[in-house]
Amino acid sequence: EEGKEEDGVRGDAPPTRRAENAPDETWWQSAPRAARKRLKEEWFTLYAADAAWWIPADVIVYGVAPVQFRVGTYAAINVVYTALLSLWAEKKLLKELALAKALSREEETSTS
């Protein structure tokens, strides 16, 4: 009986590994699903923003910058792009958190 597998977890496994002690869904299982959902919802915005940024950036890198400075120019443009993308994502996250907090307050007042 001891050591018998149940739902892919051995019966003598430590309690932290036993199936009945595991949550229904862990963050590393839900994160890819949330990322796919977000990409499906926002793909056009991301695609249009990338095109609006990189087409002019490529014109600058390959049409304006001298050959010896192209790598540095591309790297500088990439750093600015990454920073702007990070700020955009942070702004979006803060909006989502504010909305969640407002909904939480609304639930608290409605149940009181």
PDB file of N, CA and C in Angstrom:
ATOM      1  N   GLU A   1       0.834  -1.195   0.000  1.00  0.00           N
ATOM      2  CA  GLU A   1       0.000   0.000   0.000  1.00  0.00           C
ATOM      3  C   GLU A   1       0.870   1.247   0.000  1.00  0.00           C
ATOM      4  N   GLU A   2       1.949   1.228   0.803  1.00  0.00           N
ATOM      5  CA  GLU A   2       2.820   2.398   0.852  1.00  0.00           C
ATOM      6  C   GLU A   2       3.588   2.512  -0.461  1.00  0.00           C
ATOM      7  N   GLY A   3       3.717   3.719  -0.952  1.00  0.00           N
ATOM      8  CA  GLY A   3       4.422   3.941  -2.203  1.00  0.00           C
ATOM      9  C   GLY A   3       3.515   3.841  -3.412  1.00  0.00           C
ATOM     10  N   LYS A   4       2.239   3.524  -3.190  1.00  0.00           N
ATOM     11  CA  LYS A   4       1.289   3.406  -4.292  1.00  0.00           C
ATOM     12  C   LYS A   4       1.050   4.785  -4.912  1.00  0.00           C
ATOM     13  N   GLU A   5       1.004   4.813  -6.244  1.00  0.00           N
ATOM     14  CA  GLU A   5       0.775   6.092  -6.927  1.00  0.00           C
ATOM     15  C   GLU A   5      -0.706   6.389  -7.002  1.00  0.00           C
ATOM     16  N   GLU A   6      -1.039   7.615  -6.691  1.00  0.00           N
ATOM     17  CA  GLU A   6      -2.419   8.074  -6.789  1.00  0.00           C
ATOM     18  C   GLU A   6      -2.395   9.432  -7.481  1.00  0.00           C
ATOM     19  N   ASP A   7      -3.026   9.538  -8.638  1.00  0.00           N
ATOM     20  CA  ASP A   7      -3.031  10.780  -9.424  1.00  0.00           C
ATOM     21  C   ASP A   7      -1.618  11.250  -9.742  1.00  0.00           C
ATOM     22  N   GLY A   8      -0.717  10.325  -9.984  1.00  0.00           N
ATOM     23  CA  GLY A   8       0.633  10.688 -10.387  1.00  0.00           C
ATOM     24  C   GLY A   8       1.539  11.074  -9.237  1.00  0.00           C
ATOM     25  N   VAL A   9       1.062  10.993  -7.989  1.00  0.00           N
ATOM     26  CA  VAL A   9       1.878  11.340  -6.829  1.00  0.00           C
ATOM     27  C   VAL A   9       1.952  10.118  -5.939  1.00  0.00           C
ATOM     28  N   ARG A  10       3.164   9.747  -5.571  1.00  0.00           N
ATOM     29  CA  ARG A  10       3.332   8.573  -4.718  1.00  0.00           C
ATOM     30  C   ARG A  10       2.699   8.817  -3.357  1.00  0.00           C
ATOM     31  N   GLY A  11       2.111   7.762  -2.793  1.00  0.00           N
ATOM     32  CA  GLY A  11       1.443   7.863  -1.502  1.00  0.00           C
ATOM     33  C   GLY A  11       2.368   8.225  -0.363  1.00  0.00           C
ATOM     34  N   ASP A  12       3.671   7.887  -0.479  1.00  0.00           N
ATOM     35  CA  ASP A  12       4.603   8.223   0.587  1.00  0.00           C
ATOM     36  C   ASP A  12       5.344   9.530   0.306  1.00  0.00           C
ATOM     37  N   ALA A  13       4.853  10.301  -0.662  1.00  0.00           N
ATOM     38  CA  ALA A  13       5.473  11.593  -0.964  1.00  0.00           C
ATOM     39  C   ALA A  13       5.238  12.541   0.203  1.00  0.00           C
ATOM     40  N   PRO A  14       6.123  13.513   0.376  1.00  0.00           N
ATOM     41  CA  PRO A  14       5.905  14.482   1.453  1.00  0.00           C
ATOM     42  C   PRO A  14       4.575  15.210   1.254  1.00  0.00           C
ATOM     43  N   PRO A  15       3.976  15.698   2.336  1.00  0.00           N
ATOM     44  CA  PRO A  15       2.660  16.340   2.232  1.00  0.00           C
ATOM     45  C   PRO A  15       2.610  17.479   1.220  1.00  0.00           C
ATOM     46  N   THR A  16       3.717  18.184   1.038  1.00  0.00           N
ATOM     47  CA  THR A  16       3.704  19.303   0.092  1.00  0.00           C
ATOM     48  C   THR A  16       3.560  18.829  -1.340  1.00  0.00           C
ATOM     49  N   ARG A  17       3.843  17.541  -1.608  1.00  0.00           N
ATOM     50  CA  ARG A  17       3.763  17.011  -2.963  1.00  0.00           C
ATOM     51  C   ARG A  17       2.510  16.177  -3.197  1.00  0.00           C
ATOM     52  N   ARG A  18       1.744  15.936  -2.165  1.00  0.00           N
ATOM     53  CA  ARG A  18       0.566  15.095  -2.324  1.00  0.00           C
ATOM     54  C   ARG A  18      -0.513  15.834  -3.094  1.00  0.00           C
ATOM     55  N   ALA A  19      -1.229  15.139  -3.936  1.00  0.00           N
ATOM     56  CA  ALA A  19      -2.223  15.741  -4.825  1.00  0.00           C
ATOM     57  C   ALA A  19      -3.333  16.449  -4.049  1.00  0.00           C
ATOM     58  N   GLU A  20      -3.756  15.865  -2.920  1.00  0.00           N
ATOM     59  CA  GLU A  20      -4.879  16.480  -2.207  1.00  0.00           C
ATOM     60  C   GLU A  20      -4.491  17.792  -1.527  1.00  0.00           C
ATOM     61  N   ASN A  21      -3.197  18.033  -1.337  1.00  0.00           N
ATOM     62  CA  ASN A  21      -2.752  19.282  -0.726  1.00  0.00           C
ATOM     63  C   ASN A  21      -2.432  20.356  -1.759  1.00  0.00           C
ATOM     64  N   ALA A  22      -2.447  19.993  -3.034  1.00  0.00           N
ATOM     65  CA  ALA A  22      -2.082  20.946  -4.083  1.00  0.00           C
ATOM     66  C   ALA A  22      -3.280  21.829  -4.428  1.00  0.00           C
ATOM     67  N   PRO A  23      -3.026  23.111  -4.733  1.00  0.00           N
ATOM     68  CA  PRO A  23      -4.142  23.965  -5.170  1.00  0.00           C
ATOM     69  C   PRO A  23      -4.648  23.514  -6.532  1.00  0.00           C
ATOM     70  N   ASP A  24      -5.864  23.923  -6.867  1.00  0.00           N
ATOM     71  CA  ASP A  24      -6.443  23.546  -8.156  1.00  0.00           C
ATOM     72  C   ASP A  24      -5.583  24.020  -9.315  1.00  0.00           C
ATOM     73  N   GLU A  25      -5.102  25.257  -9.231  1.00  0.00           N
ATOM     74  CA  GLU A  25      -4.282  25.787 -10.309  1.00  0.00           C
ATOM     75  C   GLU A  25      -3.227  26.687  -9.685  1.00  0.00           C
ATOM     76  N   THR A  26      -1.993  26.473 -10.058  1.00  0.00           N
ATOM     77  CA  THR A  26      -0.910  27.280  -9.515  1.00  0.00           C
ATOM     78  C   THR A  26      -0.586  28.413 -10.465  1.00  0.00           C
ATOM     79  N   TRP A  27       0.169  29.395  -9.989  1.00  0.00           N
ATOM     80  CA  TRP A  27       0.448  30.576 -10.810  1.00  0.00           C
ATOM     81  C   TRP A  27       1.205  30.216 -12.072  1.00  0.00           C
ATOM     82  N   TRP A  28       2.071  29.204 -12.021  1.00  0.00           N
ATOM     83  CA  TRP A  28       2.835  28.881 -13.229  1.00  0.00           C
ATOM     84  C   TRP A  28       1.993  28.134 -14.254  1.00  0.00           C
ATOM     85  N   GLN A  29       0.847  27.641 -13.844  1.00  0.00           N
ATOM     86  CA  GLN A  29      -0.082  27.038 -14.797  1.00  0.00           C
ATOM     87  C   GLN A  29      -1.013  28.090 -15.389  1.00  0.00           C
ATOM     88  N   SER A  30      -1.389  29.086 -14.597  1.00  0.00           N
ATOM     89  CA  SER A  30      -2.333  30.095 -15.079  1.00  0.00           C
ATOM     90  C   SER A  30      -1.651  31.218 -15.848  1.00  0.00           C
ATOM     91  N   ALA A  31      -0.372  31.476 -15.611  1.00  0.00           N
ATOM     92  CA  ALA A  31       0.323  32.588 -16.278  1.00  0.00           C
ATOM     93  C   ALA A  31       0.358  32.432 -17.797  1.00  0.00           C
ATOM     94  N   PRO A  32       0.720  31.274 -18.346  1.00  0.00           N
ATOM     95  CA  PRO A  32       0.701  31.151 -19.813  1.00  0.00           C
ATOM     96  C   PRO A  32      -0.696  31.336 -20.399  1.00  0.00           C
ATOM     97  N   ARG A  33      -1.706  30.847 -19.700  1.00  0.00           N
ATOM     98  CA  ARG A  33      -3.082  31.003 -20.179  1.00  0.00           C
ATOM     99  C   ARG A  33      -3.461  32.483 -20.196  1.00  0.00           C
ATOM    100  N   ALA A  34      -3.089  33.206 -19.153  1.00  0.00           N
ATOM    101  CA  ALA A  34      -3.392  34.637 -19.088  1.00  0.00           C
ATOM    102  C   ALA A  34      -2.637  35.399 -20.172  1.00  0.00           C
ATOM    103  N   ALA A  35      -1.398  34.997 -20.433  1.00  0.00           N
ATOM    104  CA  ALA A  35      -0.610  35.658 -21.483  1.00  0.00           C
ATOM    105  C   ALA A  35      -1.236  35.424 -22.854  1.00  0.00           C
ATOM    106  N   ARG A  36      -1.658  34.192 -23.121  1.00  0.00           N
ATOM    107  CA  ARG A  36      -2.319  33.906 -24.405  1.00  0.00           C
ATOM    108  C   ARG A  36      -3.603  34.714 -24.558  1.00  0.00           C
ATOM    109  N   LYS A  37      -4.381  34.802 -23.487  1.00  0.00           N
ATOM    110  CA  LYS A  37      -5.633  35.566 -23.532  1.00  0.00           C
ATOM    111  C   LYS A  37      -5.349  37.037 -23.810  1.00  0.00           C
ATOM    112  N   ARG A  38      -4.346  37.574 -23.130  1.00  0.00           N
ATOM    113  CA  ARG A  38      -4.002  38.989 -23.320  1.00  0.00           C
ATOM    114  C   ARG A  38      -3.505  39.249 -24.737  1.00  0.00           C
ATOM    115  N   LEU A  39      -2.698  38.344 -25.280  1.00  0.00           N
ATOM    116  CA  LEU A  39      -2.222  38.516 -26.652  1.00  0.00           C
ATOM    117  C   LEU A  39      -3.365  38.449 -27.652  1.00  0.00           C
ATOM    118  N   LYS A  40      -4.313  37.549 -27.426  1.00  0.00           N
ATOM    119  CA  LYS A  40      -5.470  37.465 -28.326  1.00  0.00           C
ATOM    120  C   LYS A  40      -6.276  38.756 -28.303  1.00  0.00           C
ATOM    121  N   GLU A  41      -6.408  39.351 -27.126  1.00  0.00           N
ATOM    122  CA  GLU A  41      -7.190  40.576 -26.995  1.00  0.00           C
ATOM    123  C   GLU A  41      -6.461  41.794 -27.556  1.00  0.00           C
ATOM    124  N   GLU A  42      -5.133  41.815 -27.444  1.00  0.00           N
ATOM    125  CA  GLU A  42      -4.383  43.027 -27.761  1.00  0.00           C
ATOM    126  C   GLU A  42      -3.433  42.873 -28.940  1.00  0.00           C
ATOM    127  N   TRP A  43      -3.569  41.833 -29.738  1.00  0.00           N
ATOM    128  CA  TRP A  43      -2.579  41.581 -30.786  1.00  0.00           C
ATOM    129  C   TRP A  43      -2.512  42.715 -31.791  1.00  0.00           C
ATOM    130  N   PHE A  44      -3.654  43.281 -32.177  1.00  0.00           N
ATOM    131  CA  PHE A  44      -3.631  44.332 -33.190  1.00  0.00           C
ATOM    132  C   PHE A  44      -2.925  45.576 -32.668  1.00  0.00           C
ATOM    133  N   THR A  45      -3.206  45.947 -31.425  1.00  0.00           N
ATOM    134  CA  THR A  45      -2.548  47.114 -30.829  1.00  0.00           C
ATOM    135  C   THR A  45      -1.045  46.907 -30.774  1.00  0.00           C
ATOM    136  N   LEU A  46      -0.628  45.720 -30.340  1.00  0.00           N
ATOM    137  CA  LEU A  46       0.806  45.426 -30.272  1.00  0.00           C
ATOM    138  C   LEU A  46       1.442  45.420 -31.656  1.00  0.00           C
ATOM    139  N   TYR A  47       0.771  44.819 -32.608  1.00  0.00           N
ATOM    140  CA  TYR A  47       1.287  44.740 -33.973  1.00  0.00           C
ATOM    141  C   TYR A  47       1.409  46.134 -34.586  1.00  0.00           C
ATOM    142  N   ALA A  48       0.368  46.953 -34.440  1.00  0.00           N
ATOM    143  CA  ALA A  48       0.384  48.310 -34.996  1.00  0.00           C
ATOM    144  C   ALA A  48       1.450  49.164 -34.321  1.00  0.00           C
ATOM    145  N   ALA A  49       1.586  49.029 -33.011  1.00  0.00           N
ATOM    146  CA  ALA A  49       2.607  49.799 -32.294  1.00  0.00           C
ATOM    147  C   ALA A  49       4.010  49.381 -32.731  1.00  0.00           C
ATOM    148  N   ASP A  50       4.225  48.083 -32.905  1.00  0.00           N
ATOM    149  CA  ASP A  50       5.531  47.606 -33.386  1.00  0.00           C
ATOM    150  C   ASP A  50       5.843  48.165 -34.766  1.00  0.00           C
ATOM    151  N   ALA A  51       4.872  48.126 -35.660  1.00  0.00           N
ATOM    152  CA  ALA A  51       5.087  48.651 -37.016  1.00  0.00           C
ATOM    153  C   ALA A  51       5.339  50.153 -36.975  1.00  0.00           C
ATOM    154  N   ALA A  52       4.569  50.865 -36.159  1.00  0.00           N
ATOM    155  CA  ALA A  52       4.736  52.318 -36.057  1.00  0.00           C
ATOM    156  C   ALA A  52       6.102  52.690 -35.488  1.00  0.00           C
ATOM    157  N   TRP A  53       6.668  51.819 -34.665  1.00  0.00           N
ATOM    158  CA  TRP A  53       7.983  52.098 -34.079  1.00  0.00           C
ATOM    159  C   TRP A  53       9.112  51.626 -34.983  1.00  0.00           C
ATOM    160  N   TRP A  54       9.055  50.374 -35.427  1.00  0.00           N
ATOM    161  CA  TRP A  54      10.211  49.775 -36.093  1.00  0.00           C
ATOM    162  C   TRP A  54      10.381  50.170 -37.552  1.00  0.00           C
ATOM    163  N   ILE A  55       9.324  50.530 -38.253  1.00  0.00           N
ATOM    164  CA  ILE A  55       9.507  50.972 -39.643  1.00  0.00           C
ATOM    165  C   ILE A  55      10.318  52.269 -39.677  1.00  0.00           C
ATOM    166  N   PRO A  56       9.937  53.306 -38.910  1.00  0.00           N
ATOM    167  CA  PRO A  56      10.792  54.498 -38.882  1.00  0.00           C
ATOM    168  C   PRO A  56      12.177  54.226 -38.275  1.00  0.00           C
ATOM    169  N   ALA A  57      12.231  53.335 -37.283  1.00  0.00           N
ATOM    170  CA  ALA A  57      13.530  53.009 -36.682  1.00  0.00           C
ATOM    171  C   ALA A  57      14.454  52.375 -37.713  1.00  0.00           C
ATOM    172  N   ASP A  58      13.926  51.484 -38.538  1.00  0.00           N
ATOM    173  CA  ASP A  58      14.745  50.864 -39.587  1.00  0.00           C
ATOM    174  C   ASP A  58      15.189  51.883 -40.630  1.00  0.00           C
ATOM    175  N   VAL A  59      14.330  52.856 -40.922  1.00  0.00           N
ATOM    176  CA  VAL A  59      14.732  53.925 -41.849  1.00  0.00           C
ATOM    177  C   VAL A  59      15.909  54.700 -41.261  1.00  0.00           C
ATOM    178  N   ILE A  60      15.849  54.982 -39.960  1.00  0.00           N
ATOM    179  CA  ILE A  60      16.952  55.693 -39.306  1.00  0.00           C
ATOM    180  C   ILE A  60      18.216  54.843 -39.308  1.00  0.00           C
ATOM    181  N   VAL A  61      18.089  53.574 -38.895  1.00  0.00           N
ATOM    182  CA  VAL A  61      19.266  52.703 -38.789  1.00  0.00           C
ATOM    183  C   VAL A  61      19.906  52.462 -40.146  1.00  0.00           C
ATOM    184  N   TYR A  62      19.113  52.115 -41.147  1.00  0.00           N
ATOM    185  CA  TYR A  62      19.687  51.711 -42.435  1.00  0.00           C
ATOM    186  C   TYR A  62      19.735  52.828 -43.471  1.00  0.00           C
ATOM    187  N   GLY A  63      19.030  53.940 -43.220  1.00  0.00           N
ATOM    188  CA  GLY A  63      19.028  55.006 -44.214  1.00  0.00           C
ATOM    189  C   GLY A  63      19.753  56.259 -43.785  1.00  0.00           C
ATOM    190  N   VAL A  64      19.859  56.485 -42.479  1.00  0.00           N
ATOM    191  CA  VAL A  64      20.442  57.729 -41.982  1.00  0.00           C
ATOM    192  C   VAL A  64      21.781  57.491 -41.294  1.00  0.00           C
ATOM    193  N   ALA A  65      21.826  56.494 -40.419  1.00  0.00           N
ATOM    194  CA  ALA A  65      23.042  56.253 -39.632  1.00  0.00           C
ATOM    195  C   ALA A  65      24.170  55.739 -40.519  1.00  0.00           C
ATOM    196  N   PRO A  66      25.379  56.290 -40.342  1.00  0.00           N
ATOM    197  CA  PRO A  66      26.527  55.751 -41.083  1.00  0.00           C
ATOM    198  C   PRO A  66      26.768  54.291 -40.693  1.00  0.00           C
ATOM    199  N   VAL A  67      27.340  53.535 -41.596  1.00  0.00           N
ATOM    200  CA  VAL A  67      27.534  52.094 -41.395  1.00  0.00           C
ATOM    201  C   VAL A  67      28.224  51.787 -40.072  1.00  0.00           C
ATOM    202  N   GLN A  68      29.252  52.535 -39.728  1.00  0.00           N
ATOM    203  CA  GLN A  68      30.014  52.230 -38.510  1.00  0.00           C
ATOM    204  C   GLN A  68      29.207  52.491 -37.227  1.00  0.00           C
ATOM    205  N   PHE A  69      28.082  53.213 -37.331  1.00  0.00           N
ATOM    206  CA  PHE A  69      27.268  53.508 -36.149  1.00  0.00           C
ATOM    207  C   PHE A  69      25.931  52.767 -36.134  1.00  0.00           C
ATOM    208  N   ARG A  70      25.699  51.897 -37.080  1.00  0.00           N
ATOM    209  CA  ARG A  70      24.396  51.228 -37.168  1.00  0.00           C
ATOM    210  C   ARG A  70      24.100  50.333 -35.973  1.00  0.00           C
ATOM    211  N   VAL A  71      25.082  49.580 -35.537  1.00  0.00           N
ATOM    212  CA  VAL A  71      24.849  48.678 -34.399  1.00  0.00           C
ATOM    213  C   VAL A  71      24.508  49.490 -33.154  1.00  0.00           C
ATOM    214  N   GLY A  72      25.270  50.525 -32.889  1.00  0.00           N
ATOM    215  CA  GLY A  72      25.002  51.379 -31.727  1.00  0.00           C
ATOM    216  C   GLY A  72      23.666  52.093 -31.828  1.00  0.00           C
ATOM    217  N   THR A  73      23.340  52.557 -33.028  1.00  0.00           N
ATOM    218  CA  THR A  73      22.057  53.232 -33.243  1.00  0.00           C
ATOM    219  C   THR A  73      20.905  52.265 -32.999  1.00  0.00           C
ATOM    220  N   TYR A  74      21.030  51.059 -33.545  1.00  0.00           N
ATOM    221  CA  TYR A  74      19.991  50.047 -33.351  1.00  0.00           C
ATOM    222  C   TYR A  74      19.853  49.705 -31.865  1.00  0.00           C
ATOM    223  N   ALA A  75      20.978  49.565 -31.171  1.00  0.00           N
ATOM    224  CA  ALA A  75      20.941  49.235 -29.744  1.00  0.00           C
ATOM    225  C   ALA A  75      20.265  50.351 -28.947  1.00  0.00           C
ATOM    226  N   ALA A  76      20.589  51.605 -29.263  1.00  0.00           N
ATOM    227  CA  ALA A  76      19.979  52.734 -28.553  1.00  0.00           C
ATOM    228  C   ALA A  76      18.470  52.781 -28.796  1.00  0.00           C
ATOM    229  N   ILE A  77      18.068  52.580 -30.040  1.00  0.00           N
ATOM    230  CA  ILE A  77      16.637  52.573 -30.362  1.00  0.00           C
ATOM    231  C   ILE A  77      15.943  51.420 -29.640  1.00  0.00           C
ATOM    232  N   ASN A  78      16.597  50.277 -29.573  1.00  0.00           N
ATOM    233  CA  ASN A  78      16.025  49.114 -28.900  1.00  0.00           C
ATOM    234  C   ASN A  78      15.862  49.363 -27.401  1.00  0.00           C
ATOM    235  N   VAL A  79      16.829  50.030 -26.775  1.00  0.00           N
ATOM    236  CA  VAL A  79      16.726  50.340 -25.345  1.00  0.00           C
ATOM    237  C   VAL A  79      15.541  51.271 -25.091  1.00  0.00           C
ATOM    238  N   VAL A  80      15.401  52.301 -25.917  1.00  0.00           N
ATOM    239  CA  VAL A  80      14.279  53.237 -25.763  1.00  0.00           C
ATOM    240  C   VAL A  80      12.953  52.501 -25.973  1.00  0.00           C
ATOM    241  N   TYR A  81      12.897  51.648 -26.995  1.00  0.00           N
ATOM    242  CA  TYR A  81      11.681  50.880 -27.282  1.00  0.00           C
ATOM    243  C   TYR A  81      11.317  49.984 -26.095  1.00  0.00           C
ATOM    244  N   THR A  82      12.298  49.301 -25.542  1.00  0.00           N
ATOM    245  CA  THR A  82      12.054  48.409 -24.410  1.00  0.00           C
ATOM    246  C   THR A  82      11.566  49.192 -23.197  1.00  0.00           C
ATOM    247  N   ALA A  83      12.167  50.349 -22.949  1.00  0.00           N
ATOM    248  CA  ALA A  83      11.737  51.180 -21.821  1.00  0.00           C
ATOM    249  C   ALA A  83      10.294  51.654 -22.013  1.00  0.00           C
ATOM    250  N   LEU A  84       9.963  52.093 -23.222  1.00  0.00           N
ATOM    251  CA  LEU A  84       8.593  52.546 -23.493  1.00  0.00           C
ATOM    252  C   LEU A  84       7.589  51.402 -23.373  1.00  0.00           C
ATOM    253  N   LEU A  85       7.966  50.233 -23.854  1.00  0.00           N
ATOM    254  CA  LEU A  85       7.091  49.070 -23.743  1.00  0.00           C
ATOM    255  C   LEU A  85       6.868  48.700 -22.276  1.00  0.00           C
ATOM    256  N   SER A  86       7.920  48.787 -21.483  1.00  0.00           N
ATOM    257  CA  SER A  86       7.814  48.495 -20.060  1.00  0.00           C
ATOM    258  C   SER A  86       6.907  49.509 -19.358  1.00  0.00           C
ATOM    259  N   LEU A  87       7.062  50.787 -19.691  1.00  0.00           N
ATOM    260  CA  LEU A  87       6.199  51.819 -19.101  1.00  0.00           C
ATOM    261  C   LEU A  87       4.739  51.605 -19.491  1.00  0.00           C
ATOM    262  N   TRP A  88       4.505  51.227 -20.739  1.00  0.00           N
ATOM    263  CA  TRP A  88       3.144  50.960 -21.206  1.00  0.00           C
ATOM    264  C   TRP A  88       2.530  49.798 -20.413  1.00  0.00           C
ATOM    265  N   ALA A  89       3.307  48.731 -20.242  1.00  0.00           N
ATOM    266  CA  ALA A  89       2.807  47.565 -19.505  1.00  0.00           C
ATOM    267  C   ALA A  89       2.549  47.919 -18.043  1.00  0.00           C
ATOM    268  N   GLU A  90       3.433  48.714 -17.442  1.00  0.00           N
ATOM    269  CA  GLU A  90       3.260  49.120 -16.052  1.00  0.00           C
ATOM    270  C   GLU A  90       2.000  49.971 -15.892  1.00  0.00           C
ATOM    271  N   LYS A  91       1.780  50.887 -16.818  1.00  0.00           N
ATOM    272  CA  LYS A  91       0.580  51.734 -16.782  1.00  0.00           C
ATOM    273  C   LYS A  91      -0.677  50.876 -16.876  1.00  0.00           C
ATOM    274  N   LYS A  92      -0.640  49.885 -17.760  1.00  0.00           N
ATOM    275  CA  LYS A  92      -1.780  48.984 -17.933  1.00  0.00           C
ATOM    276  C   LYS A  92      -2.015  48.177 -16.654  1.00  0.00           C
ATOM    277  N   LEU A  93      -0.946  47.695 -16.037  1.00  0.00           N
ATOM    278  CA  LEU A  93      -1.058  46.927 -14.802  1.00  0.00           C
ATOM    279  C   LEU A  93      -1.641  47.785 -13.683  1.00  0.00           C
ATOM    280  N   LEU A  94      -1.181  49.030 -13.572  1.00  0.00           N
ATOM    281  CA  LEU A  94      -1.702  49.913 -12.532  1.00  0.00           C
ATOM    282  C   LEU A  94      -3.192  50.185 -12.728  1.00  0.00           C
ATOM    283  N   LYS A  95      -3.627  50.323 -13.978  1.00  0.00           N
ATOM    284  CA  LYS A  95      -5.056  50.500 -14.250  1.00  0.00           C
ATOM    285  C   LYS A  95      -5.842  49.272 -13.813  1.00  0.00           C
ATOM    286  N   GLU A  96      -5.311  48.080 -14.121  1.00  0.00           N
ATOM    287  CA  GLU A  96      -5.992  46.840 -13.745  1.00  0.00           C
ATOM    288  C   GLU A  96      -6.067  46.695 -12.229  1.00  0.00           C
ATOM    289  N   LEU A  97      -4.984  47.056 -11.533  1.00  0.00           N
ATOM    290  CA  LEU A  97      -4.986  46.975 -10.074  1.00  0.00           C
ATOM    291  C   LEU A  97      -5.968  47.970  -9.467  1.00  0.00           C
ATOM    292  N   ALA A  98      -6.028  49.182 -10.023  1.00  0.00           N
ATOM    293  CA  ALA A  98      -6.977  50.186  -9.529  1.00  0.00           C
ATOM    294  C   ALA A  98      -8.415  49.711  -9.738  1.00  0.00           C
ATOM    295  N   LEU A  99      -8.678  49.103 -10.886  1.00  0.00           N
ATOM    296  CA  LEU A  99     -10.014  48.577 -11.160  1.00  0.00           C
ATOM    297  C   LEU A  99     -10.364  47.458 -10.181  1.00  0.00           C
ATOM    298  N   ALA A 100      -9.413  46.562  -9.938  1.00  0.00           N
ATOM    299  CA  ALA A 100      -9.654  45.463  -8.998  1.00  0.00           C
ATOM    300  C   ALA A 100      -9.912  46.000  -7.596  1.00  0.00           C
ATOM    301  N   LYS A 101      -9.163  47.022  -7.199  1.00  0.00           N
ATOM    302  CA  LYS A 101      -9.351  47.610  -5.873  1.00  0.00           C
ATOM    303  C   LYS A 101     -10.725  48.274  -5.777  1.00  0.00           C
ATOM    304  N   ALA A 102     -11.131  48.978  -6.835  1.00  0.00           N
ATOM    305  CA  ALA A 102     -12.448  49.624  -6.845  1.00  0.00           C
ATOM    306  C   ALA A 102     -13.562  48.584  -6.765  1.00  0.00           C
ATOM    307  N   LEU A 103     -13.418  47.488  -7.505  1.00  0.00           N
ATOM    308  CA  LEU A 103     -14.427  46.425  -7.453  1.00  0.00           C
ATOM    309  C   LEU A 103     -14.480  45.794  -6.076  1.00  0.00           C
ATOM    310  N   SER A 104     -13.326  45.636  -5.444  1.00  0.00           N
ATOM    311  CA  SER A 104     -13.268  45.060  -4.109  1.00  0.00           C
ATOM    312  C   SER A 104     -13.983  45.964  -3.107  1.00  0.00           C
ATOM    313  N   ARG A 105     -13.737  47.268  -3.212  1.00  0.00           N
ATOM    314  CA  ARG A 105     -14.421  48.216  -2.319  1.00  0.00           C
ATOM    315  C   ARG A 105     -15.929  48.189  -2.552  1.00  0.00           C
ATOM    316  N   GLU A 106     -16.319  48.094  -3.816  1.00  0.00           N
ATOM    317  CA  GLU A 106     -17.743  48.052  -4.157  1.00  0.00           C
ATOM    318  C   GLU A 106     -18.401  46.813  -3.555  1.00  0.00           C
ATOM    319  N   GLU A 107     -17.704  45.677  -3.610  1.00  0.00           N
ATOM    320  CA  GLU A 107     -18.237  44.443  -3.018  1.00  0.00           C
ATOM    321  C   GLU A 107     -18.369  44.583  -1.511  1.00  0.00           C
ATOM    322  N   GLU A 108     -17.362  45.215  -0.875  1.00  0.00           N
ATOM    323  CA  GLU A 108     -17.397  45.389   0.575  1.00  0.00           C
ATOM    324  C   GLU A 108     -18.580  46.250   0.996  1.00  0.00           C
ATOM    325  N   THR A 109     -18.819  47.333   0.250  1.00  0.00           N
ATOM    326  CA  THR A 109     -19.929  48.219   0.616  1.00  0.00           C
ATOM    327  C   THR A 109     -21.287  47.581   0.333  1.00  0.00           C
ATOM    328  N   SER A 110     -21.365  46.748  -0.693  1.00  0.00           N
ATOM    329  CA  SER A 110     -22.649  46.112  -1.013  1.00  0.00           C
ATOM    330  C   SER A 110     -22.983  44.991  -0.039  1.00  0.00           C
ATOM    331  N   THR A 111     -21.975  44.352   0.544  1.00  0.00           N
ATOM    332  CA  THR A 111     -22.234  43.273   1.503  1.00  0.00           C
ATOM    333  C   THR A 111     -22.432  43.804   2.916  1.00  0.00           C
ATOM    334  N   SER A 112     -22.058  45.046   3.162  1.00  0.00           N
ATOM    335  CA  SER A 112     -22.200  45.623   4.513  1.00  0.00           C
ATOM    336  C   SER A 112     -23.611  46.036   4.804  1.00  0.00           C
TER     337      SER A 112
END
